[in-house]
Amino acid sequence: MSIELERENTVQLLCRHYAQDRLTTEELDARLDAVYRAQSESELNALLDGLDAVAVAAPLEHAAVAPGNRTPDRRILSVFAEVRKRGDWELRPETRAVVVFGTLELDLRDARIARGTTTLDISATFAEVKIIVPPGIRVECDGSAILGEFTEAVIAGPAGGDVATVRVVGMAVLSSVSVQMRLPGETAKEAKRREKGRS
């Protein structure tokens, strides 16, 4: 197998281990960085040392959460890829998204969002993340950025336990994370025109 195929295979294995909670976000980021600096098969194999091979069979998107474990109950991963979540899907109370050299769009307009506070933890490295929320959702944006941006263009809804609140946290490194309110079926261009009409 060529070094490039070995490299991509190692990336896939590391992502599956992450989905099985065998790696933290920081460990995954560090190992992915090392994968693309590795020059030999032995260097790539060393990045898998100490990881249980059983995790290879696990699906990427969902992590098994043991009772009492405080880790997120959904993980979304985009590594050198484009991931879009639209339509009828569930945004769980704790969701972690890791995007490395990729793009991620989370459209919450038709998603099922629980009352109370939902935490969306974003880790973006050389990436672009777009979060689209419907009217009536309260958004709290508390992310940080290093040579990037973490921006919110949303009118905050009313506070209170009966209102769905999406709290966006995390870190953008050489990346952009943006949150925008759009009406149902509205495109980005239509949203811009609507905002201009209000100003």
Protein backbone atom coordinates (compact mmCIF):
# COMPACT_ATOMS: atom_id res chain seq x y z
CA MET A 1 0.00 0.00 0.00
CA SER A 2 1.34 3.47 -0.90
CA ILE A 3 2.15 6.01 1.81
CA GLU A 4 -0.80 8.18 0.70
CA LEU A 5 -3.26 5.29 1.03
CA GLU A 6 -1.76 4.44 4.43
CA ARG A 7 -2.16 8.09 5.44
CA GLU A 8 -5.86 8.18 4.51
CA ASN A 9 -6.45 4.84 6.21
CA THR A 10 -4.85 6.20 9.39
CA VAL A 11 -7.11 9.28 9.25
CA GLN A 12 -10.19 7.05 9.00
CA LEU A 13 -9.04 4.88 11.91
CA LEU A 14 -8.32 7.89 14.12
CA CYS A 15 -11.75 9.34 13.33
CA ARG A 16 -13.44 6.07 14.32
CA HIS A 17 -11.48 5.95 17.58
CA TYR A 18 -12.59 9.52 18.28
CA ALA A 19 -16.22 8.51 17.64
CA GLN A 20 -15.77 5.73 20.21
CA ASP A 21 -14.47 8.18 22.87
CA ARG A 22 -10.98 6.70 22.75
CA LEU A 23 -9.50 10.06 21.82
CA THR A 24 -10.27 13.57 23.05
CA THR A 25 -10.76 16.40 20.56
CA GLU A 26 -7.28 17.70 21.40
CA GLU A 27 -5.72 14.27 20.89
CA LEU A 28 -7.50 13.85 17.57
CA ASP A 29 -6.34 17.26 16.33
CA ALA A 30 -2.74 16.53 17.35
CA ARG A 31 -2.69 13.09 15.72
CA LEU A 32 -4.30 14.33 12.51
CA ASP A 33 -1.65 17.02 12.30
CA ALA A 34 1.05 14.37 12.77
CA VAL A 35 -0.53 12.14 10.09
CA TYR A 36 0.09 14.71 7.39
CA ARG A 37 3.67 15.26 8.54
CA ALA A 38 4.49 11.54 8.66
CA GLN A 39 6.91 10.30 5.99
CA SER A 40 6.80 6.53 6.59
CA GLU A 41 4.43 3.70 7.38
CA SER A 42 6.10 3.17 10.75
CA GLU A 43 5.41 6.81 11.72
CA LEU A 44 1.75 6.38 10.79
CA ASN A 45 1.49 3.11 12.73
CA ALA A 46 2.95 4.83 15.81
CA LEU A 47 -0.02 7.24 15.80
CA LEU A 48 -2.34 4.27 16.46
CA ASP A 49 -0.33 2.92 19.38
CA GLY A 50 -2.44 2.22 22.45
CA LEU A 51 -5.76 2.33 20.58
CA ASP A 52 -8.06 -0.68 20.59
CA ALA A 53 -8.56 -2.10 17.07
CA VAL A 54 -12.18 -3.01 17.93
CA ALA A 55 -13.19 0.62 17.38
CA VAL A 56 -12.72 0.23 13.62
CA ALA A 57 -16.20 -1.28 13.30
CA ALA A 58 -17.94 1.67 14.97
CA PRO A 59 -19.96 4.22 12.98
CA LEU A 60 -18.43 7.66 12.67
CA GLU A 61 -21.29 9.93 13.61
CA HIS A 62 -22.56 8.53 16.89
CA ALA A 63 -20.53 7.83 20.00
CA ALA A 64 -21.56 5.33 22.65
CA VAL A 65 -22.10 7.19 25.92
CA ALA A 66 -21.82 5.25 29.16
CA PRO A 67 -24.29 6.07 31.97
CA GLY A 68 -23.04 9.02 33.98
CA ASN A 69 -20.50 9.99 31.31
CA ARG A 70 -20.60 13.73 30.64
CA THR A 71 -19.29 13.50 27.07
CA PRO A 72 -21.55 14.81 24.27
CA ASP A 73 -24.31 12.46 23.14
CA ARG A 74 -23.78 13.25 19.45
CA ARG A 75 -20.60 13.87 17.51
CA ILE A 76 -20.40 15.22 13.98
CA LEU A 77 -17.11 14.89 12.14
CA SER A 78 -15.86 16.50 8.92
CA VAL A 79 -12.23 15.86 7.97
CA PHE A 80 -11.25 16.98 4.48
CA ALA A 81 -14.96 16.72 3.70
CA GLU A 82 -18.24 18.61 3.37
CA VAL A 83 -21.07 17.73 5.75
CA ARG A 84 -24.57 19.21 5.59
CA LYS A 85 -27.42 18.41 7.98
CA ARG A 86 -30.82 19.63 6.86
CA GLY A 87 -34.47 18.72 7.16
CA ASP A 88 -35.92 16.65 9.98
CA TRP A 89 -33.09 15.70 12.31
CA GLU A 90 -32.53 15.84 16.05
CA LEU A 91 -30.16 18.33 17.67
CA ARG A 92 -29.39 16.60 20.93
CA PRO A 93 -28.85 18.52 24.20
CA GLU A 94 -25.08 18.17 23.88
CA THR A 95 -23.58 18.03 20.41
CA ARG A 96 -19.89 18.21 19.50
CA ALA A 97 -18.75 18.99 15.96
CA VAL A 98 -15.14 18.68 14.84
CA VAL A 99 -14.23 20.12 11.44
CA VAL A 100 -10.68 19.85 10.12
CA PHE A 101 -9.89 21.14 6.62
CA GLY A 102 -13.59 20.82 5.80
CA THR A 103 -16.97 22.52 5.79
CA LEU A 104 -20.03 21.94 7.94
CA GLU A 105 -23.54 23.35 7.58
CA LEU A 106 -26.08 22.73 10.33
CA ASP A 107 -29.54 23.90 9.28
CA LEU A 108 -31.78 23.90 12.36
CA ARG A 109 -34.91 25.30 10.72
CA ASP A 110 -36.62 21.91 10.50
CA ALA A 111 -34.58 20.17 13.20
CA ARG A 112 -36.05 18.87 16.44
CA ILE A 113 -34.68 21.04 19.26
CA ALA A 114 -35.60 20.42 22.89
CA ARG A 115 -36.88 23.16 25.19
CA GLY A 116 -34.26 24.56 27.49
CA THR A 117 -30.59 24.89 26.56
CA THR A 118 -28.84 22.86 23.87
CA THR A 119 -25.05 23.16 23.71
CA LEU A 120 -23.35 23.01 20.33
CA ASP A 121 -19.58 22.72 20.83
CA ILE A 122 -17.61 23.51 17.66
CA SER A 123 -13.93 22.75 17.10
CA ALA A 124 -12.88 24.15 13.70
CA THR A 125 -9.38 24.04 12.23
CA PHE A 126 -8.85 25.40 8.71
CA ALA A 127 -12.60 25.07 8.28
CA GLU A 128 -15.89 26.84 7.62
CA VAL A 129 -18.95 26.20 9.79
CA LYS A 130 -22.40 27.67 9.12
CA ILE A 131 -25.25 27.34 11.60
CA ILE A 132 -28.72 28.39 10.42
CA VAL A 133 -31.45 28.90 13.01
CA PRO A 134 -35.16 29.67 12.62
CA PRO A 135 -36.96 32.67 14.18
CA GLY A 136 -37.93 32.21 17.83
CA ILE A 137 -34.76 30.37 18.82
CA ARG A 138 -32.59 32.11 21.37
CA VAL A 139 -28.88 31.92 20.49
CA GLU A 140 -25.98 32.44 22.87
CA CYS A 141 -22.66 32.58 21.02
CA ASP A 142 -19.66 32.18 23.33
CA GLY A 143 -16.97 30.81 21.02
CA SER A 144 -13.37 31.97 20.67
CA ALA A 145 -11.18 32.42 17.61
CA ILE A 146 -7.48 32.41 16.75
CA LEU A 147 -6.77 33.99 13.36
CA GLY A 148 -10.41 33.31 12.52
CA GLU A 149 -13.91 34.42 13.40
CA PHE A 150 -16.79 33.30 15.57
CA THR A 151 -19.75 35.49 14.62
CA GLU A 152 -23.45 35.69 15.37
CA ALA A 153 -26.02 37.48 13.20
CA VAL A 154 -29.13 36.48 15.11
CA ILE A 155 -31.77 38.45 16.96
CA ALA A 156 -31.86 36.83 20.39
CA GLY A 157 -35.22 35.41 21.33
CA PRO A 158 -36.73 35.85 24.80
CA ALA A 159 -35.02 34.20 27.73
CA GLY A 160 -36.80 31.57 29.76
CA GLY A 161 -37.06 27.85 30.41
CA ASP A 162 -39.91 27.39 27.90
CA VAL A 163 -37.85 28.79 25.03
CA ALA A 164 -35.39 26.66 23.05
CA THR A 165 -31.88 28.08 23.48
CA VAL A 166 -28.91 27.04 21.37
CA ARG A 167 -25.61 27.86 23.05
CA VAL A 168 -22.73 27.82 20.55
CA VAL A 169 -19.29 27.42 22.12
CA GLY A 170 -15.89 26.21 21.02
CA MET A 171 -12.83 27.39 19.12
CA ALA A 172 -12.14 28.48 15.55
CA VAL A 173 -8.48 28.28 14.51
CA LEU A 174 -7.82 29.79 11.08
CA SER A 175 -11.52 29.15 10.52
CA SER A 176 -14.91 30.84 10.47
CA VAL A 177 -17.95 29.86 12.51
CA SER A 178 -21.10 31.85 11.77
CA VAL A 179 -24.66 31.74 13.08
CA GLN A 180 -27.48 33.25 11.02
CA MET A 181 -31.25 33.42 11.36
CA ARG A 182 -33.21 32.55 8.22
CA LEU A 183 -36.90 32.14 7.55
CA PRO A 184 -38.19 28.71 6.42
CA GLY A 185 -37.07 28.03 2.85
CA GLU A 186 -35.11 31.27 2.70
CA THR A 187 -31.75 31.28 0.92
CA ALA A 188 -28.66 33.17 2.08
CA LYS A 189 -29.19 35.81 -0.63
CA GLU A 190 -32.84 36.27 0.30
CA ALA A 191 -31.87 36.64 3.96
CA LYS A 192 -29.36 39.37 3.06
CA ARG A 193 -31.98 41.23 1.03
CA ARG A 194 -34.45 40.98 3.92
CA GLU A 195 -31.87 42.33 6.37
CA LYS A 196 -31.03 45.22 4.02
CA GLY A 197 -34.71 46.04 3.74
CA ARG A 198 -34.94 46.38 7.52
CA SER A 199 -31.98 48.75 7.78
